Amino acid sequence: MANPNNGAPVARIPHLSGLTVCKTNNGTVVVLIQWDYAAWTPAAERFTTALKAQKFATPVSGYAVILTGVVSPIASKALAAQGVNVTTKALPGPLQ
């Protein structure tokens, strides 16, 4: 959570059904995921749909997923179509 805070200060750290997310000062909901690879699956689609349906105390200006690894090309397109910004390789590691 410290790295995203350097670019857009984190205003809140809400918990959504056991998942910790960040809400930045500009209203973006940021989901931080420590995975090597993310694919677009029915569960991923349900997750993004549920995330976007979530009610927050302040208005949401956008959604972002920050991943330590990479996403499949299909997942990248699907998330973009849903208006979710994706950042990959967020932390230095063995994936180049």
Protein backbone atom coordinates (compact mmCIF):
# COMPACT_ATOMS: atom_id res chain seq x y z
CA MET A 1 0.00 0.00 0.00
CA ALA A 2 2.97 2.31 0.45
CA ASN A 3 3.84 2.35 -3.27
CA PRO A 4 0.40 3.50 -4.49
CA ASN A 5 0.38 6.12 -1.74
CA ASN A 6 3.44 7.73 -3.37
CA GLY A 7 1.47 8.50 -6.55
CA ALA A 8 -2.04 9.18 -5.25
CA PRO A 9 -2.36 9.60 -1.49
CA VAL A 10 -4.54 7.01 0.21
CA ALA A 11 -7.46 8.59 2.06
CA ARG A 12 -9.11 5.43 3.41
CA ILE A 13 -8.42 1.72 3.74
CA PRO A 14 -11.85 0.06 3.75
CA HIS A 15 -12.52 -3.66 4.17
CA LEU A 16 -14.98 -5.22 1.75
CA SER A 17 -16.09 -8.67 2.85
CA GLY A 18 -12.60 -9.46 4.11
CA LEU A 19 -10.73 -7.77 1.25
CA THR A 20 -8.67 -4.71 2.08
CA VAL A 21 -8.70 -2.01 -0.60
CA CYS A 22 -7.45 1.55 -0.78
CA LYS A 23 -9.46 4.63 -1.63
CA THR A 24 -7.31 7.51 -2.80
CA ASN A 25 -7.91 11.20 -2.23
CA ASN A 26 -9.15 11.52 -5.81
CA GLY A 27 -11.78 8.79 -5.25
CA THR A 28 -10.13 5.86 -7.00
CA VAL A 29 -10.69 2.45 -5.45
CA VAL A 30 -7.41 0.51 -5.64
CA VAL A 31 -7.21 -3.26 -5.26
CA LEU A 32 -3.71 -4.55 -4.52
CA ILE A 33 -3.09 -8.18 -5.49
CA GLN A 34 0.05 -10.21 -4.93
CA TRP A 35 -0.27 -12.71 -7.79
CA ASP A 36 2.15 -13.82 -10.47
CA TYR A 37 -0.56 -14.17 -13.13
CA ALA A 38 -4.20 -13.20 -13.36
CA ALA A 39 -6.57 -14.68 -15.94
CA TRP A 40 -10.11 -13.63 -16.82
CA THR A 41 -12.44 -16.20 -15.29
CA PRO A 42 -16.08 -16.19 -14.20
CA ALA A 43 -14.84 -15.54 -10.65
CA ALA A 44 -12.80 -12.54 -11.80
CA GLU A 45 -15.85 -11.13 -13.57
CA ARG A 46 -18.01 -11.64 -10.46
CA PHE A 47 -15.35 -9.92 -8.37
CA THR A 48 -15.16 -6.81 -10.55
CA THR A 49 -18.95 -6.63 -10.81
CA ALA A 50 -19.30 -6.89 -7.02
CA LEU A 51 -16.53 -4.34 -6.47
CA LYS A 52 -18.22 -1.81 -8.74
CA ALA A 53 -21.57 -2.41 -7.02
CA GLN A 54 -20.06 -1.72 -3.59
CA LYS A 55 -21.30 1.43 -1.87
CA PHE A 56 -18.63 3.70 -0.41
CA ALA A 57 -19.01 6.63 1.96
CA THR A 58 -17.65 9.03 -0.68
CA PRO A 59 -18.09 8.98 -4.47
CA VAL A 60 -15.88 6.69 -6.56
CA SER A 61 -14.03 8.31 -9.47
CA GLY A 62 -12.47 5.12 -10.85
CA TYR A 63 -11.14 1.64 -10.19
CA ALA A 64 -7.61 0.29 -10.37
CA VAL A 65 -5.97 -3.09 -9.88
CA ILE A 66 -2.30 -3.14 -8.98
CA LEU A 67 -0.74 -6.55 -9.49
CA THR A 68 2.73 -7.78 -8.58
CA GLY A 69 2.71 -10.03 -11.65
CA VAL A 70 0.97 -9.83 -15.01
CA VAL A 71 -2.52 -10.29 -16.47
CA SER A 72 -3.56 -12.34 -19.44
CA PRO A 73 -4.36 -10.43 -22.64
CA ILE A 74 -8.04 -11.39 -22.30
CA ALA A 75 -8.13 -10.18 -18.69
CA SER A 76 -6.46 -6.94 -19.68
CA LYS A 77 -9.09 -6.27 -22.36
CA ALA A 78 -11.99 -7.29 -20.10
CA LEU A 79 -10.83 -5.07 -17.25
CA ALA A 80 -10.30 -2.14 -19.61
CA ALA A 81 -13.81 -2.67 -21.00
CA GLN A 82 -15.13 -2.42 -17.42
CA GLY A 83 -13.20 0.79 -16.84
CA VAL A 84 -10.66 -0.79 -14.50
CA ASN A 85 -7.10 0.53 -14.84
CA VAL A 86 -4.46 -2.20 -14.44
CA THR A 87 -0.87 -1.81 -13.30
CA THR A 88 1.35 -4.89 -13.60
CA LYS A 89 4.77 -5.77 -12.17
CA ALA A 90 4.20 -3.32 -9.34
CA LEU A 91 6.99 -4.69 -7.19
CA PRO A 92 10.47 -5.72 -8.30
CA GLY A 93 10.77 -9.47 -8.40
CA PRO A 94 11.75 -12.45 -10.52
CA LEU A 95 9.24 -11.65 -13.32
CA GLN A 96 10.87 -9.48 -15.94
